[in-house]
Amino acid sequence: MATGPMSRLAAALAQSIKQIEADYGEEAREIRAKLAEARAEAEKHEPNSTKLKAILGDCREMVKSFAAHDPAWKAVQRVARLVGLD
């Protein structure tokens, strides 16, 4: 793969996927799937920039939604651990 903007984007997406897996695991499977789709498109010999922008737009909205709910999710997880449901 070349070292142009798309290869850097693909590398950044791969790193994002790894970080999401480390921080959230199964809770973020849909975001990981979308990022993997974006990475696959970016790694193509001739990526479709319109498709890539649409996928990344979806990712942006998913991340915004996930981030908005993250504090509540962490609170639920803490309570679950307190009552032995972890």
PDB file of N, CA and C in Angstrom:
ATOM      1  N   MET A   1       0.843  -1.170   0.000  1.00  0.00           N
ATOM      2  CA  MET A   1       0.000   0.000   0.000  1.00  0.00           C
ATOM      3  C   MET A   1       0.893   1.239   0.000  1.00  0.00           C
ATOM      4  N   ALA A   2       0.464   2.255  -0.693  1.00  0.00           N
ATOM      5  CA  ALA A   2       1.230   3.499  -0.786  1.00  0.00           C
ATOM      6  C   ALA A   2       1.181   4.252   0.542  1.00  0.00           C
ATOM      7  N   THR A   3       1.974   5.299   0.643  1.00  0.00           N
ATOM      8  CA  THR A   3       2.012   6.074   1.887  1.00  0.00           C
ATOM      9  C   THR A   3       1.298   7.411   1.739  1.00  0.00           C
ATOM     10  N   GLY A   4       0.238   7.438   0.951  1.00  0.00           N
ATOM     11  CA  GLY A   4      -0.508   8.669   0.750  1.00  0.00           C
ATOM     12  C   GLY A   4      -1.554   8.884   1.827  1.00  0.00           C
ATOM     13  N   PRO A   5      -2.418   9.862   1.597  1.00  0.00           N
ATOM     14  CA  PRO A   5      -3.433  10.193   2.591  1.00  0.00           C
ATOM     15  C   PRO A   5      -4.366   9.023   2.917  1.00  0.00           C
ATOM     16  N   MET A   6      -4.714   8.223   1.926  1.00  0.00           N
ATOM     17  CA  MET A   6      -5.622   7.104   2.174  1.00  0.00           C
ATOM     18  C   MET A   6      -4.961   6.023   3.028  1.00  0.00           C
ATOM     19  N   SER A   7      -3.681   5.797   2.841  1.00  0.00           N
ATOM     20  CA  SER A   7      -3.012   4.789   3.668  1.00  0.00           C
ATOM     21  C   SER A   7      -2.885   5.292   5.109  1.00  0.00           C
ATOM     22  N   ARG A   8      -2.656   6.587   5.270  1.00  0.00           N
ATOM     23  CA  ARG A   8      -2.617   7.155   6.623  1.00  0.00           C
ATOM     24  C   ARG A   8      -3.998   7.085   7.271  1.00  0.00           C
ATOM     25  N   LEU A   9      -5.044   7.323   6.477  1.00  0.00           N
ATOM     26  CA  LEU A   9      -6.403   7.209   6.981  1.00  0.00           C
ATOM     27  C   LEU A   9      -6.688   5.767   7.394  1.00  0.00           C
ATOM     28  N   ALA A  10      -6.305   4.813   6.568  1.00  0.00           N
ATOM     29  CA  ALA A  10      -6.514   3.403   6.887  1.00  0.00           C
ATOM     30  C   ALA A  10      -5.784   3.023   8.173  1.00  0.00           C
ATOM     31  N   ALA A  11      -4.577   3.502   8.340  1.00  0.00           N
ATOM     32  CA  ALA A  11      -3.810   3.217   9.562  1.00  0.00           C
ATOM     33  C   ALA A  11      -4.486   3.843  10.785  1.00  0.00           C
ATOM     34  N   ALA A  12      -4.973   5.062  10.641  1.00  0.00           N
ATOM     35  CA  ALA A  12      -5.660   5.724  11.749  1.00  0.00           C
ATOM     36  C   ALA A  12      -6.950   4.991  12.104  1.00  0.00           C
ATOM     37  N   LEU A  13      -7.664   4.512  11.097  1.00  0.00           N
ATOM     38  CA  LEU A  13      -8.888   3.758  11.354  1.00  0.00           C
ATOM     39  C   LEU A  13      -8.576   2.444  12.059  1.00  0.00           C
ATOM     40  N   ALA A  14      -7.499   1.780  11.644  1.00  0.00           N
ATOM     41  CA  ALA A  14      -7.090   0.533  12.300  1.00  0.00           C
ATOM     42  C   ALA A  14      -6.766   0.785  13.763  1.00  0.00           C
ATOM     43  N   GLN A  15      -6.079   1.873  14.042  1.00  0.00           N
ATOM     44  CA  GLN A  15      -5.750   2.221  15.425  1.00  0.00           C
ATOM     45  C   GLN A  15      -7.005   2.547  16.215  1.00  0.00           C
ATOM     46  N   SER A  16      -7.950   3.229  15.599  1.00  0.00           N
ATOM     47  CA  SER A  16      -9.207   3.546  16.272  1.00  0.00           C
ATOM     48  C   SER A  16      -9.970   2.281  16.640  1.00  0.00           C
ATOM     49  N   ILE A  17      -9.986   1.317  15.725  1.00  0.00           N
ATOM     50  CA  ILE A  17     -10.666   0.043  15.977  1.00  0.00           C
ATOM     51  C   ILE A  17     -10.029  -0.656  17.175  1.00  0.00           C
ATOM     52  N   LYS A  18      -8.700  -0.705  17.208  1.00  0.00           N
ATOM     53  CA  LYS A  18      -8.004  -1.349  18.325  1.00  0.00           C
ATOM     54  C   LYS A  18      -8.317  -0.652  19.643  1.00  0.00           C
ATOM     55  N   GLN A  19      -8.337   0.670  19.646  1.00  0.00           N
ATOM     56  CA  GLN A  19      -8.596   1.417  20.870  1.00  0.00           C
ATOM     57  C   GLN A  19     -10.030   1.205  21.349  1.00  0.00           C
ATOM     58  N   ILE A  20     -10.969   1.194  20.423  1.00  0.00           N
ATOM     59  CA  ILE A  20     -12.365   0.955  20.794  1.00  0.00           C
ATOM     60  C   ILE A  20     -12.523  -0.439  21.380  1.00  0.00           C
ATOM     61  N   GLU A  21     -11.864  -1.429  20.773  1.00  0.00           N
ATOM     62  CA  GLU A  21     -11.919  -2.788  21.308  1.00  0.00           C
ATOM     63  C   GLU A  21     -11.356  -2.836  22.721  1.00  0.00           C
ATOM     64  N   ALA A  22     -10.256  -2.127  22.948  1.00  0.00           N
ATOM     65  CA  ALA A  22      -9.624  -2.133  24.269  1.00  0.00           C
ATOM     66  C   ALA A  22     -10.490  -1.424  25.304  1.00  0.00           C
ATOM     67  N   ASP A  23     -11.125  -0.333  24.919  1.00  0.00           N
ATOM     68  CA  ASP A  23     -11.889   0.469  25.876  1.00  0.00           C
ATOM     69  C   ASP A  23     -13.325   0.000  26.080  1.00  0.00           C
ATOM     70  N   TYR A  24     -13.951  -0.511  25.019  1.00  0.00           N
ATOM     71  CA  TYR A  24     -15.383  -0.784  25.096  1.00  0.00           C
ATOM     72  C   TYR A  24     -15.791  -2.215  24.780  1.00  0.00           C
ATOM     73  N   GLY A  25     -14.977  -2.928  24.049  1.00  0.00           N
ATOM     74  CA  GLY A  25     -15.322  -4.308  23.724  1.00  0.00           C
ATOM     75  C   GLY A  25     -16.599  -4.414  22.916  1.00  0.00           C
ATOM     76  N   GLU A  26     -17.464  -5.309  23.352  1.00  0.00           N
ATOM     77  CA  GLU A  26     -18.673  -5.643  22.594  1.00  0.00           C
ATOM     78  C   GLU A  26     -19.663  -4.490  22.480  1.00  0.00           C
ATOM     79  N   GLU A  27     -19.647  -3.572  23.448  1.00  0.00           N
ATOM     80  CA  GLU A  27     -20.613  -2.475  23.421  1.00  0.00           C
ATOM     81  C   GLU A  27     -20.505  -1.629  22.151  1.00  0.00           C
ATOM     82  N   ALA A  28     -19.349  -1.596  21.548  1.00  0.00           N
ATOM     83  CA  ALA A  28     -19.118  -0.726  20.389  1.00  0.00           C
ATOM     84  C   ALA A  28     -18.953  -1.513  19.090  1.00  0.00           C
ATOM     85  N   ARG A  29     -19.559  -2.687  19.001  1.00  0.00           N
ATOM     86  CA  ARG A  29     -19.354  -3.527  17.812  1.00  0.00           C
ATOM     87  C   ARG A  29     -19.831  -2.859  16.527  1.00  0.00           C
ATOM     88  N   GLU A  30     -20.927  -2.080  16.590  1.00  0.00           N
ATOM     89  CA  GLU A  30     -21.429  -1.421  15.385  1.00  0.00           C
ATOM     90  C   GLU A  30     -20.462  -0.338  14.904  1.00  0.00           C
ATOM     91  N   ILE A  31     -19.896   0.404  15.831  1.00  0.00           N
ATOM     92  CA  ILE A  31     -18.918   1.433  15.458  1.00  0.00           C
ATOM     93  C   ILE A  31     -17.692   0.766  14.849  1.00  0.00           C
ATOM     94  N   ARG A  32     -17.220  -0.313  15.470  1.00  0.00           N
ATOM     95  CA  ARG A  32     -16.056  -1.040  14.932  1.00  0.00           C
ATOM     96  C   ARG A  32     -16.336  -1.538  13.522  1.00  0.00           C
ATOM     97  N   ALA A  33     -17.539  -2.044  13.295  1.00  0.00           N
ATOM     98  CA  ALA A  33     -17.898  -2.558  11.968  1.00  0.00           C
ATOM     99  C   ALA A  33     -17.866  -1.440  10.930  1.00  0.00           C
ATOM    100  N   LYS A  34     -18.404  -0.285  11.286  1.00  0.00           N
ATOM    101  CA  LYS A  34     -18.389   0.852  10.351  1.00  0.00           C
ATOM    102  C   LYS A  34     -16.965   1.338  10.085  1.00  0.00           C
ATOM    103  N   LEU A  35     -16.143   1.395  11.150  1.00  0.00           N
ATOM    104  CA  LEU A  35     -14.751   1.809  10.957  1.00  0.00           C
ATOM    105  C   LEU A  35     -13.999   0.802  10.096  1.00  0.00           C
ATOM    106  N   ALA A  36     -14.301  -0.481  10.261  1.00  0.00           N
ATOM    107  CA  ALA A  36     -13.668  -1.500   9.424  1.00  0.00           C
ATOM    108  C   ALA A  36     -14.095  -1.339   7.969  1.00  0.00           C
ATOM    109  N   GLU A  37     -15.360  -0.988   7.763  1.00  0.00           N
ATOM    110  CA  GLU A  37     -15.848  -0.740   6.395  1.00  0.00           C
ATOM    111  C   GLU A  37     -15.122   0.458   5.775  1.00  0.00           C
ATOM    112  N   ALA A  38     -14.948   1.519   6.561  1.00  0.00           N
ATOM    113  CA  ALA A  38     -14.233   2.704   6.075  1.00  0.00           C
ATOM    114  C   ALA A  38     -12.777   2.356   5.774  1.00  0.00           C
ATOM    115  N   ARG A  39     -12.179   1.574   6.646  1.00  0.00           N
ATOM    116  CA  ARG A  39     -10.780   1.172   6.429  1.00  0.00           C
ATOM    117  C   ARG A  39     -10.641   0.366   5.142  1.00  0.00           C
ATOM    118  N   ALA A  40     -11.561  -0.570   4.920  1.00  0.00           N
ATOM    119  CA  ALA A  40     -11.511  -1.383   3.703  1.00  0.00           C
ATOM    120  C   ALA A  40     -11.640  -0.503   2.462  1.00  0.00           C
ATOM    121  N   GLU A  41     -12.513   0.478   2.523  1.00  0.00           N
ATOM    122  CA  GLU A  41     -12.679   1.389   1.378  1.00  0.00           C
ATOM    123  C   GLU A  41     -11.415   2.210   1.171  1.00  0.00           C
ATOM    124  N   ALA A  42     -10.823   2.715   2.255  1.00  0.00           N
ATOM    125  CA  ALA A  42      -9.616   3.542   2.153  1.00  0.00           C
ATOM    126  C   ALA A  42      -8.430   2.744   1.617  1.00  0.00           C
ATOM    127  N   GLU A  43      -8.420   1.428   1.879  1.00  0.00           N
ATOM    128  CA  GLU A  43      -7.305   0.593   1.437  1.00  0.00           C
ATOM    129  C   GLU A  43      -7.423   0.154  -0.024  1.00  0.00           C
ATOM    130  N   LYS A  44      -8.550   0.406  -0.648  1.00  0.00           N
ATOM    131  CA  LYS A  44      -8.724   0.016  -2.051  1.00  0.00           C
ATOM    132  C   LYS A  44      -7.745   0.782  -2.934  1.00  0.00           C
ATOM    133  N   HIS A  45      -7.424   0.171  -4.070  1.00  0.00           N
ATOM    134  CA  HIS A  45      -6.519   0.810  -5.031  1.00  0.00           C
ATOM    135  C   HIS A  45      -7.064   2.167  -5.457  1.00  0.00           C
ATOM    136  N   GLU A  46      -8.365   2.235  -5.698  1.00  0.00           N
ATOM    137  CA  GLU A  46      -9.013   3.499  -6.040  1.00  0.00           C
ATOM    138  C   GLU A  46     -10.246   3.664  -5.152  1.00  0.00           C
ATOM    139  N   PRO A  47     -10.053   4.185  -3.941  1.00  0.00           N
ATOM    140  CA  PRO A  47     -11.184   4.332  -3.028  1.00  0.00           C
ATOM    141  C   PRO A  47     -12.227   5.314  -3.550  1.00  0.00           C
ATOM    142  N   ASN A  48     -13.472   5.018  -3.267  1.00  0.00           N
ATOM    143  CA  ASN A  48     -14.578   5.888  -3.647  1.00  0.00           C
ATOM    144  C   ASN A  48     -14.723   6.936  -2.539  1.00  0.00           C
ATOM    145  N   SER A  49     -14.298   8.155  -2.800  1.00  0.00           N
ATOM    146  CA  SER A  49     -14.287   9.182  -1.765  1.00  0.00           C
ATOM    147  C   SER A  49     -15.699   9.544  -1.294  1.00  0.00           C
ATOM    148  N   THR A  50     -16.677   9.478  -2.190  1.00  0.00           N
ATOM    149  CA  THR A  50     -18.053   9.772  -1.796  1.00  0.00           C
ATOM    150  C   THR A  50     -18.556   8.717  -0.817  1.00  0.00           C
ATOM    151  N   LYS A  51     -18.289   7.455  -1.121  1.00  0.00           N
ATOM    152  CA  LYS A  51     -18.695   6.369  -0.230  1.00  0.00           C
ATOM    153  C   LYS A  51     -17.957   6.481   1.101  1.00  0.00           C
ATOM    154  N   LEU A  52     -16.675   6.787   1.050  1.00  0.00           N
ATOM    155  CA  LEU A  52     -15.871   6.914   2.258  1.00  0.00           C
ATOM    156  C   LEU A  52     -16.392   8.047   3.144  1.00  0.00           C
ATOM    157  N   LYS A  53     -16.729   9.176   2.543  1.00  0.00           N
ATOM    158  CA  LYS A  53     -17.278  10.295   3.314  1.00  0.00           C
ATOM    159  C   LYS A  53     -18.598   9.910   3.968  1.00  0.00           C
ATOM    160  N   ALA A  54     -19.430   9.160   3.247  1.00  0.00           N
ATOM    161  CA  ALA A  54     -20.714   8.729   3.814  1.00  0.00           C
ATOM    162  C   ALA A  54     -20.505   7.774   4.992  1.00  0.00           C
ATOM    163  N   ILE A  55     -19.585   6.840   4.837  1.00  0.00           N
ATOM    164  CA  ILE A  55     -19.298   5.891   5.923  1.00  0.00           C
ATOM    165  C   ILE A  55     -18.761   6.641   7.138  1.00  0.00           C
ATOM    166  N   LEU A  56     -17.823   7.557   6.917  1.00  0.00           N
ATOM    167  CA  LEU A  56     -17.250   8.315   8.027  1.00  0.00           C
ATOM    168  C   LEU A  56     -18.288   9.239   8.675  1.00  0.00           C
ATOM    169  N   GLY A  57     -19.223   9.741   7.881  1.00  0.00           N
ATOM    170  CA  GLY A  57     -20.321  10.534   8.438  1.00  0.00           C
ATOM    171  C   GLY A  57     -21.184   9.687   9.367  1.00  0.00           C
ATOM    172  N   ASP A  58     -21.461   8.454   8.934  1.00  0.00           N
ATOM    173  CA  ASP A  58     -22.202   7.527   9.800  1.00  0.00           C
ATOM    174  C   ASP A  58     -21.431   7.274  11.093  1.00  0.00           C
ATOM    175  N   CYS A  59     -20.121   7.069  10.952  1.00  0.00           N
ATOM    176  CA  CYS A  59     -19.275   6.834  12.133  1.00  0.00           C
ATOM    177  C   CYS A  59     -19.339   8.016  13.085  1.00  0.00           C
ATOM    178  N   ARG A  60     -19.281   9.206  12.536  1.00  0.00           N
ATOM    179  CA  ARG A  60     -19.332  10.411  13.359  1.00  0.00           C
ATOM    180  C   ARG A  60     -20.617  10.443  14.183  1.00  0.00           C
ATOM    181  N   GLU A  61     -21.740  10.164  13.537  1.00  0.00           N
ATOM    182  CA  GLU A  61     -23.017  10.184  14.256  1.00  0.00           C
ATOM    183  C   GLU A  61     -23.092   9.082  15.308  1.00  0.00           C
ATOM    184  N   MET A  62     -22.561   7.914  14.987  1.00  0.00           N
ATOM    185  CA  MET A  62     -22.563   6.808  15.947  1.00  0.00           C
ATOM    186  C   MET A  62     -21.695   7.146  17.164  1.00  0.00           C
ATOM    187  N   VAL A  63     -20.535   7.726  16.912  1.00  0.00           N
ATOM    188  CA  VAL A  63     -19.632   8.085  18.008  1.00  0.00           C
ATOM    189  C   VAL A  63     -20.272   9.165  18.880  1.00  0.00           C
ATOM    190  N   LYS A  64     -20.918  10.148  18.264  1.00  0.00           N
ATOM    191  CA  LYS A  64     -21.584  11.199  19.037  1.00  0.00           C
ATOM    192  C   LYS A  64     -22.664  10.598  19.937  1.00  0.00           C
ATOM    193  N   SER A  65     -23.435   9.685  19.391  1.00  0.00           N
ATOM    194  CA  SER A  65     -24.494   9.039  20.160  1.00  0.00           C
ATOM    195  C   SER A  65     -23.914   8.189  21.288  1.00  0.00           C
ATOM    196  N   PHE A  66     -22.884   7.428  20.948  1.00  0.00           N
ATOM    197  CA  PHE A  66     -22.232   6.567  21.938  1.00  0.00           C
ATOM    198  C   PHE A  66     -21.638   7.398  23.063  1.00  0.00           C
ATOM    199  N   ALA A  67     -20.982   8.495  22.700  1.00  0.00           N
ATOM    200  CA  ALA A  67     -20.358   9.360  23.704  1.00  0.00           C
ATOM    201  C   ALA A  67     -21.402   9.997  24.614  1.00  0.00           C
ATOM    202  N   ALA A  68     -22.551  10.335  24.062  1.00  0.00           N
ATOM    203  CA  ALA A  68     -23.606  10.940  24.862  1.00  0.00           C
ATOM    204  C   ALA A  68     -24.149   9.955  25.902  1.00  0.00           C
ATOM    205  N   HIS A  69     -24.144   8.662  25.554  1.00  0.00           N
ATOM    206  CA  HIS A  69     -24.683   7.650  26.451  1.00  0.00           C
ATOM    207  C   HIS A  69     -23.616   6.983  27.320  1.00  0.00           C
ATOM    208  N   ASP A  70     -22.367   7.259  27.055  1.00  0.00           N
ATOM    209  CA  ASP A  70     -21.280   6.591  27.770  1.00  0.00           C
ATOM    210  C   ASP A  70     -21.342   6.782  29.289  1.00  0.00           C
ATOM    211  N   PRO A  71     -21.574   7.992  29.804  1.00  0.00           N
ATOM    212  CA  PRO A  71     -21.634   8.130  31.267  1.00  0.00           C
ATOM    213  C   PRO A  71     -22.733   7.264  31.893  1.00  0.00           C
ATOM    214  N   ALA A  72     -23.878   7.200  31.249  1.00  0.00           N
ATOM    215  CA  ALA A  72     -24.964   6.368  31.782  1.00  0.00           C
ATOM    216  C   ALA A  72     -24.583   4.894  31.732  1.00  0.00           C
ATOM    217  N   TRP A  73     -23.961   4.477  30.631  1.00  0.00           N
ATOM    218  CA  TRP A  73     -23.537   3.084  30.502  1.00  0.00           C
ATOM    219  C   TRP A  73     -22.513   2.724  31.580  1.00  0.00           C
ATOM    220  N   LYS A  74     -21.579   3.591  31.832  1.00  0.00           N
ATOM    221  CA  LYS A  74     -20.571   3.322  32.865  1.00  0.00           C
ATOM    222  C   LYS A  74     -21.229   3.237  34.243  1.00  0.00           C
ATOM    223  N   ALA A  75     -22.235   4.058  34.486  1.00  0.00           N
ATOM    224  CA  ALA A  75     -22.948   3.994  35.764  1.00  0.00           C
ATOM    225  C   ALA A  75     -23.664   2.653  35.907  1.00  0.00           C
ATOM    226  N   VAL A  76     -24.286   2.187  34.846  1.00  0.00           N
ATOM    227  CA  VAL A  76     -24.954   0.882  34.877  1.00  0.00           C
ATOM    228  C   VAL A  76     -23.934  -0.218  35.152  1.00  0.00           C
ATOM    229  N   GLN A  77     -22.782  -0.141  34.522  1.00  0.00           N
ATOM    230  CA  GLN A  77     -21.746  -1.143  34.743  1.00  0.00           C
ATOM    231  C   GLN A  77     -21.266  -1.136  36.193  1.00  0.00           C
ATOM    232  N   ARG A  78     -21.100   0.062  36.778  1.00  0.00           N
ATOM    233  CA  ARG A  78     -20.665   0.154  38.178  1.00  0.00           C
ATOM    234  C   ARG A  78     -21.689  -0.491  39.107  1.00  0.00           C
ATOM    235  N   VAL A  79     -22.959  -0.199  38.879  1.00  0.00           N
ATOM    236  CA  VAL A  79     -24.013  -0.779  39.707  1.00  0.00           C
ATOM    237  C   VAL A  79     -24.023  -2.301  39.543  1.00  0.00           C
ATOM    238  N   ALA A  80     -23.867  -2.777  38.324  1.00  0.00           N
ATOM    239  CA  ALA A  80     -23.840  -4.220  38.082  1.00  0.00           C
ATOM    240  C   ALA A  80     -22.696  -4.875  38.856  1.00  0.00           C
ATOM    241  N   ARG A  81     -21.540  -4.222  38.856  1.00  0.00           N
ATOM    242  CA  ARG A  81     -20.405  -4.780  39.610  1.00  0.00           C
ATOM    243  C   ARG A  81     -20.702  -4.775  41.108  1.00  0.00           C
ATOM    244  N   LEU A  82     -21.338  -3.723  41.592  1.00  0.00           N
ATOM    245  CA  LEU A  82     -21.650  -3.631  43.018  1.00  0.00           C
ATOM    246  C   LEU A  82     -22.576  -4.758  43.488  1.00  0.00           C
ATOM    247  N   VAL A  83     -23.483  -5.152  42.616  1.00  0.00           N
ATOM    248  CA  VAL A  83     -24.433  -6.198  43.009  1.00  0.00           C
ATOM    249  C   VAL A  83     -24.008  -7.574  42.501  1.00  0.00           C
ATOM    250  N   GLY A  84     -22.784  -7.667  41.983  1.00  0.00           N
ATOM    251  CA  GLY A  84     -22.243  -8.962  41.573  1.00  0.00           C
ATOM    252  C   GLY A  84     -22.702  -9.477  40.230  1.00  0.00           C
ATOM    253  N   LEU A  85     -23.107  -8.599  39.331  1.00  0.00           N
ATOM    254  CA  LEU A  85     -23.574  -9.021  38.021  1.00  0.00           C
ATOM    255  C   LEU A  85     -22.554  -8.804  36.911  1.00  0.00           C
ATOM    256  N   ASP A  86     -21.304  -8.615  37.264  1.00  0.00           N
ATOM    257  CA  ASP A  86     -20.302  -8.341  36.221  1.00  0.00           C
ATOM    258  C   ASP A  86     -19.755  -9.569  35.596  1.00  0.00           C
TER     259      ASP A  86
END
